[in-house]
Amino acid sequence: MTPIDFLLVVLVVLAFLYWLDALRAKELAHQAGKARCDQDGVTFLDDSVVLNRVRLRRSRRGGISIYRNYLFEFSSDGSARYHGEIELLNRQVASVVLEPFRIPDYH
């Protein structure tokens, strides 16, 4: 095996590992968004989250971490759509934020 072949194998393995990590992160973001919507009594729409941003950031301990930002939509009344945002730092949910929404008035 030549050094170039070895380098190609390493790159393919690293790409595969990144892809697996990205799938796990997306599932974690999905679960966090859905749980927050359930907690606030709103509907998690389209059953999906969308990756918005990936960056390297410093963690609180000073190390380098992968920061991922996901977006999703929810509804409080079934007609209006609102936006939510999930931030992950490595494999930890850093925050889940819902934009201000109208609380339905059922009389």
N, C-alpha and C. Protein backbone atom coordinates (compact mmCIF):
# COMPACT_ATOMS: atom_id res chain seq x y z
N MET A 1 0.86 -1.17 0.00
CA MET A 1 0.00 0.00 0.00
C MET A 1 0.91 1.24 0.00
N THR A 2 0.65 2.11 -0.95
CA THR A 2 1.44 3.34 -1.04
C THR A 2 0.94 4.36 -0.01
N PRO A 3 1.74 5.35 0.29
CA PRO A 3 1.30 6.39 1.23
C PRO A 3 0.03 7.11 0.76
N ILE A 4 -0.13 7.29 -0.52
CA ILE A 4 -1.34 7.94 -1.04
C ILE A 4 -2.56 7.06 -0.82
N ASP A 5 -2.41 5.75 -1.04
CA ASP A 5 -3.52 4.82 -0.79
C ASP A 5 -3.90 4.84 0.69
N PHE A 6 -2.89 4.83 1.54
CA PHE A 6 -3.15 4.87 2.98
C PHE A 6 -3.88 6.15 3.36
N LEU A 7 -3.43 7.27 2.82
CA LEU A 7 -4.07 8.56 3.10
C LEU A 7 -5.53 8.56 2.63
N LEU A 8 -5.79 7.99 1.47
CA LEU A 8 -7.17 7.91 0.97
C LEU A 8 -8.05 7.07 1.88
N VAL A 9 -7.53 5.95 2.35
CA VAL A 9 -8.29 5.09 3.26
C VAL A 9 -8.60 5.85 4.56
N VAL A 10 -7.61 6.55 5.10
CA VAL A 10 -7.81 7.33 6.32
C VAL A 10 -8.87 8.41 6.10
N LEU A 11 -8.80 9.10 4.97
CA LEU A 11 -9.79 10.14 4.68
C LEU A 11 -11.20 9.58 4.55
N VAL A 12 -11.33 8.43 3.91
CA VAL A 12 -12.65 7.80 3.77
C VAL A 12 -13.18 7.39 5.14
N VAL A 13 -12.34 6.82 5.98
CA VAL A 13 -12.76 6.42 7.33
C VAL A 13 -13.17 7.66 8.14
N LEU A 14 -12.39 8.73 8.07
CA LEU A 14 -12.73 9.95 8.80
C LEU A 14 -14.04 10.55 8.29
N ALA A 15 -14.26 10.54 6.99
CA ALA A 15 -15.51 11.06 6.43
C ALA A 15 -16.69 10.22 6.91
N PHE A 16 -16.53 8.91 6.95
CA PHE A 16 -17.59 8.03 7.43
C PHE A 16 -17.90 8.30 8.91
N LEU A 17 -16.86 8.45 9.72
CA LEU A 17 -17.06 8.73 11.15
C LEU A 17 -17.75 10.08 11.36
N TYR A 18 -17.39 11.09 10.56
CA TYR A 18 -18.06 12.39 10.65
C TYR A 18 -19.53 12.26 10.27
N TRP A 19 -19.80 11.50 9.22
CA TRP A 19 -21.19 11.30 8.77
C TRP A 19 -22.01 10.64 9.88
N LEU A 20 -21.46 9.61 10.52
CA LEU A 20 -22.17 8.95 11.63
C LEU A 20 -22.42 9.92 12.78
N ASP A 21 -21.42 10.73 13.11
CA ASP A 21 -21.57 11.71 14.18
C ASP A 21 -22.64 12.74 13.82
N ALA A 22 -22.68 13.15 12.56
CA ALA A 22 -23.70 14.11 12.12
C ALA A 22 -25.10 13.52 12.21
N LEU A 23 -25.25 12.24 11.89
CA LEU A 23 -26.56 11.58 12.02
C LEU A 23 -27.01 11.53 13.48
N ARG A 24 -26.08 11.18 14.37
CA ARG A 24 -26.41 11.13 15.80
C ARG A 24 -26.78 12.52 16.33
N ALA A 25 -26.04 13.52 15.88
CA ALA A 25 -26.32 14.89 16.33
C ALA A 25 -27.69 15.34 15.84
N LYS A 26 -28.04 15.01 14.60
CA LYS A 26 -29.35 15.40 14.08
C LYS A 26 -30.47 14.73 14.86
N GLU A 27 -30.29 13.46 15.20
CA GLU A 27 -31.30 12.75 15.99
C GLU A 27 -31.43 13.36 17.38
N LEU A 28 -30.32 13.73 17.98
CA LEU A 28 -30.35 14.38 19.29
C LEU A 28 -31.08 15.72 19.21
N ALA A 29 -30.80 16.50 18.17
CA ALA A 29 -31.47 17.78 17.98
C ALA A 29 -32.97 17.58 17.77
N HIS A 30 -33.33 16.56 17.00
CA HIS A 30 -34.75 16.26 16.75
C HIS A 30 -35.46 15.94 18.06
N GLN A 31 -34.84 15.08 18.88
CA GLN A 31 -35.44 14.72 20.17
C GLN A 31 -35.56 15.93 21.09
N ALA A 32 -34.54 16.79 21.10
CA ALA A 32 -34.56 17.97 21.96
C ALA A 32 -35.64 18.95 21.52
N GLY A 33 -35.79 19.15 20.22
CA GLY A 33 -36.82 20.06 19.71
C GLY A 33 -38.21 19.55 20.00
N LYS A 34 -38.41 18.26 19.78
CA LYS A 34 -39.71 17.66 20.02
C LYS A 34 -40.06 17.71 21.51
N ALA A 35 -39.08 17.41 22.37
CA ALA A 35 -39.32 17.45 23.81
C ALA A 35 -39.67 18.85 24.28
N ARG A 36 -38.99 19.85 23.74
CA ARG A 36 -39.28 21.24 24.15
C ARG A 36 -40.68 21.64 23.70
N CYS A 37 -41.07 21.23 22.49
CA CYS A 37 -42.42 21.54 22.01
C CYS A 37 -43.47 20.87 22.89
N ASP A 38 -43.24 19.61 23.26
CA ASP A 38 -44.17 18.91 24.15
C ASP A 38 -44.25 19.62 25.50
N GLN A 39 -43.11 20.05 26.01
CA GLN A 39 -43.05 20.73 27.30
C GLN A 39 -43.85 22.04 27.27
N ASP A 40 -43.80 22.75 26.16
CA ASP A 40 -44.49 24.04 26.05
C ASP A 40 -45.89 23.92 25.47
N GLY A 41 -46.33 22.71 25.16
CA GLY A 41 -47.68 22.50 24.67
C GLY A 41 -47.92 22.99 23.25
N VAL A 42 -46.88 22.95 22.42
CA VAL A 42 -47.03 23.36 21.02
C VAL A 42 -46.73 22.15 20.13
N THR A 43 -47.06 22.27 18.85
CA THR A 43 -46.90 21.17 17.90
C THR A 43 -45.59 21.30 17.14
N PHE A 44 -44.78 20.27 17.18
CA PHE A 44 -43.53 20.19 16.43
C PHE A 44 -43.90 19.87 14.99
N LEU A 45 -43.66 20.79 14.06
CA LEU A 45 -44.13 20.64 12.68
C LEU A 45 -43.12 19.90 11.80
N ASP A 46 -43.65 19.20 10.82
CA ASP A 46 -42.88 18.50 9.78
C ASP A 46 -41.96 17.41 10.31
N ASP A 47 -41.98 17.17 11.61
CA ASP A 47 -41.17 16.13 12.24
C ASP A 47 -39.72 16.17 11.77
N SER A 48 -39.16 17.38 11.65
CA SER A 48 -37.79 17.48 11.15
C SER A 48 -37.06 18.70 11.72
N VAL A 49 -35.74 18.58 11.71
CA VAL A 49 -34.85 19.69 12.01
C VAL A 49 -33.91 19.84 10.82
N VAL A 50 -33.43 21.06 10.61
CA VAL A 50 -32.55 21.34 9.48
C VAL A 50 -31.25 21.92 10.00
N LEU A 51 -30.14 21.35 9.56
CA LEU A 51 -28.83 21.86 9.96
C LEU A 51 -28.63 23.24 9.35
N ASN A 52 -28.34 24.21 10.19
CA ASN A 52 -28.16 25.59 9.74
C ASN A 52 -26.68 25.98 9.69
N ARG A 53 -25.91 25.50 10.67
CA ARG A 53 -24.54 25.96 10.79
C ARG A 53 -23.70 24.92 11.52
N VAL A 54 -22.45 24.75 11.10
CA VAL A 54 -21.48 23.90 11.80
C VAL A 54 -20.20 24.72 11.93
N ARG A 55 -19.68 24.77 13.15
CA ARG A 55 -18.44 25.51 13.40
C ARG A 55 -17.64 24.81 14.49
N LEU A 56 -16.39 25.16 14.57
CA LEU A 56 -15.56 24.74 15.70
C LEU A 56 -15.59 25.87 16.72
N ARG A 57 -15.79 25.51 17.98
CA ARG A 57 -15.84 26.49 19.07
C ARG A 57 -15.07 25.96 20.27
N ARG A 58 -14.69 26.86 21.12
CA ARG A 58 -14.07 26.45 22.38
C ARG A 58 -15.15 26.05 23.37
N SER A 59 -14.92 24.95 24.05
CA SER A 59 -15.85 24.53 25.10
C SER A 59 -15.53 25.30 26.38
N ARG A 60 -16.35 25.12 27.38
CA ARG A 60 -16.12 25.80 28.67
C ARG A 60 -14.81 25.37 29.31
N ARG A 61 -14.38 24.16 29.00
CA ARG A 61 -13.12 23.65 29.55
C ARG A 61 -11.92 24.12 28.74
N GLY A 62 -12.16 24.81 27.64
CA GLY A 62 -11.06 25.34 26.84
C GLY A 62 -10.69 24.49 25.63
N GLY A 63 -11.29 23.31 25.49
CA GLY A 63 -10.99 22.45 24.35
C GLY A 63 -11.80 22.85 23.12
N ILE A 64 -11.47 22.27 22.01
CA ILE A 64 -12.19 22.52 20.76
C ILE A 64 -13.39 21.58 20.69
N SER A 65 -14.54 22.13 20.34
CA SER A 65 -15.78 21.35 20.23
C SER A 65 -16.46 21.65 18.91
N ILE A 66 -17.29 20.72 18.47
CA ILE A 66 -18.09 20.93 17.26
C ILE A 66 -19.41 21.57 17.68
N TYR A 67 -19.68 22.75 17.16
CA TYR A 67 -20.92 23.48 17.41
C TYR A 67 -21.83 23.26 16.21
N ARG A 68 -23.06 22.85 16.49
CA ARG A 68 -24.06 22.67 15.43
C ARG A 68 -25.31 23.45 15.79
N ASN A 69 -25.89 24.10 14.80
CA ASN A 69 -27.10 24.88 14.98
C ASN A 69 -28.17 24.31 14.05
N TYR A 70 -29.32 23.95 14.62
CA TYR A 70 -30.43 23.38 13.85
C TYR A 70 -31.64 24.29 13.97
N LEU A 71 -32.46 24.31 12.93
CA LEU A 71 -33.70 25.07 12.93
C LEU A 71 -34.88 24.12 12.78
N PHE A 72 -36.03 24.51 13.33
CA PHE A 72 -37.25 23.73 13.17
C PHE A 72 -38.43 24.68 13.26
N GLU A 73 -39.60 24.18 12.94
CA GLU A 73 -40.82 24.99 13.02
C GLU A 73 -41.82 24.32 13.95
N PHE A 74 -42.65 25.17 14.57
CA PHE A 74 -43.69 24.67 15.47
C PHE A 74 -44.91 25.56 15.33
N SER A 75 -46.02 25.09 15.87
CA SER A 75 -47.26 25.86 15.84
C SER A 75 -47.94 25.78 17.19
N SER A 76 -48.52 26.89 17.60
CA SER A 76 -49.24 26.91 18.87
C SER A 76 -50.74 26.74 18.67
N ASP A 77 -51.22 27.06 17.47
CA ASP A 77 -52.66 27.03 17.23
C ASP A 77 -53.07 26.25 15.98
N GLY A 78 -52.12 25.66 15.29
CA GLY A 78 -52.44 24.87 14.10
C GLY A 78 -52.46 25.67 12.81
N SER A 79 -52.38 26.99 12.89
CA SER A 79 -52.40 27.77 11.65
C SER A 79 -51.12 28.58 11.44
N ALA A 80 -50.59 29.18 12.47
CA ALA A 80 -49.38 29.99 12.34
C ALA A 80 -48.14 29.12 12.58
N ARG A 81 -47.10 29.39 11.80
CA ARG A 81 -45.82 28.68 11.96
C ARG A 81 -44.82 29.59 12.65
N TYR A 82 -44.12 29.04 13.61
CA TYR A 82 -43.08 29.78 14.33
C TYR A 82 -41.78 29.00 14.21
N HIS A 83 -40.68 29.69 14.48
CA HIS A 83 -39.36 29.08 14.33
C HIS A 83 -38.74 28.77 15.68
N GLY A 84 -37.98 27.68 15.69
CA GLY A 84 -37.21 27.31 16.87
C GLY A 84 -35.78 27.04 16.46
N GLU A 85 -34.90 27.07 17.45
CA GLU A 85 -33.48 26.90 17.19
C GLU A 85 -32.87 26.00 18.26
N ILE A 86 -32.04 25.07 17.84
CA ILE A 86 -31.37 24.15 18.76
C ILE A 86 -29.87 24.30 18.56
N GLU A 87 -29.15 24.42 19.66
CA GLU A 87 -27.70 24.50 19.60
C GLU A 87 -27.11 23.28 20.30
N LEU A 88 -26.20 22.61 19.61
CA LEU A 88 -25.48 21.48 20.19
C LEU A 88 -24.00 21.83 20.26
N LEU A 89 -23.38 21.43 21.33
CA LEU A 89 -21.93 21.55 21.48
C LEU A 89 -21.42 20.14 21.72
N ASN A 90 -20.69 19.62 20.74
CA ASN A 90 -20.35 18.21 20.67
C ASN A 90 -21.65 17.41 20.68
N ARG A 91 -21.84 16.54 21.64
CA ARG A 91 -23.09 15.75 21.68
C ARG A 91 -23.96 16.17 22.85
N GLN A 92 -23.90 17.43 23.22
CA GLN A 92 -24.70 17.96 24.32
C GLN A 92 -25.61 19.06 23.79
N VAL A 93 -26.86 19.05 24.25
CA VAL A 93 -27.77 20.13 23.89
C VAL A 93 -27.39 21.35 24.72
N ALA A 94 -27.00 22.42 24.05
CA ALA A 94 -26.62 23.65 24.73
C ALA A 94 -27.84 24.52 24.99
N SER A 95 -28.76 24.58 24.00
CA SER A 95 -29.98 25.37 24.20
C SER A 95 -31.03 25.00 23.16
N VAL A 96 -32.28 25.20 23.55
CA VAL A 96 -33.42 25.08 22.64
C VAL A 96 -34.25 26.34 22.85
N VAL A 97 -34.40 27.13 21.81
CA VAL A 97 -35.08 28.42 21.91
C VAL A 97 -36.27 28.44 20.96
N LEU A 98 -37.42 28.82 21.49
CA LEU A 98 -38.61 29.02 20.66
C LEU A 98 -38.85 30.51 20.53
N GLU A 99 -39.17 30.94 19.30
CA GLU A 99 -39.49 32.36 19.16
C GLU A 99 -40.82 32.63 19.86
N PRO A 100 -41.07 33.86 20.28
CA PRO A 100 -42.34 34.16 20.95
C PRO A 100 -43.53 33.76 20.08
N PHE A 101 -44.52 33.13 20.71
CA PHE A 101 -45.67 32.65 19.95
C PHE A 101 -46.96 33.02 20.67
N ARG A 102 -48.01 33.04 19.89
CA ARG A 102 -49.32 33.38 20.41
C ARG A 102 -49.90 32.17 21.12
N ILE A 103 -50.39 32.38 22.33
CA ILE A 103 -51.06 31.31 23.07
C ILE A 103 -52.54 31.37 22.70
N PRO A 104 -53.09 30.27 22.17
CA PRO A 104 -54.50 30.29 21.75
C PRO A 104 -55.43 30.59 22.92
N ASP A 105 -56.46 31.34 22.63
CA ASP A 105 -57.46 31.70 23.63
C ASP A 105 -58.71 30.89 23.34
N TYR A 106 -58.87 29.77 24.05
CA TYR A 106 -60.04 28.90 23.85
C TYR A 106 -61.08 29.20 24.93
N HIS A 107 -62.18 29.83 24.53
CA HIS A 107 -63.26 30.12 25.47
C HIS A 107 -64.46 29.28 25.16
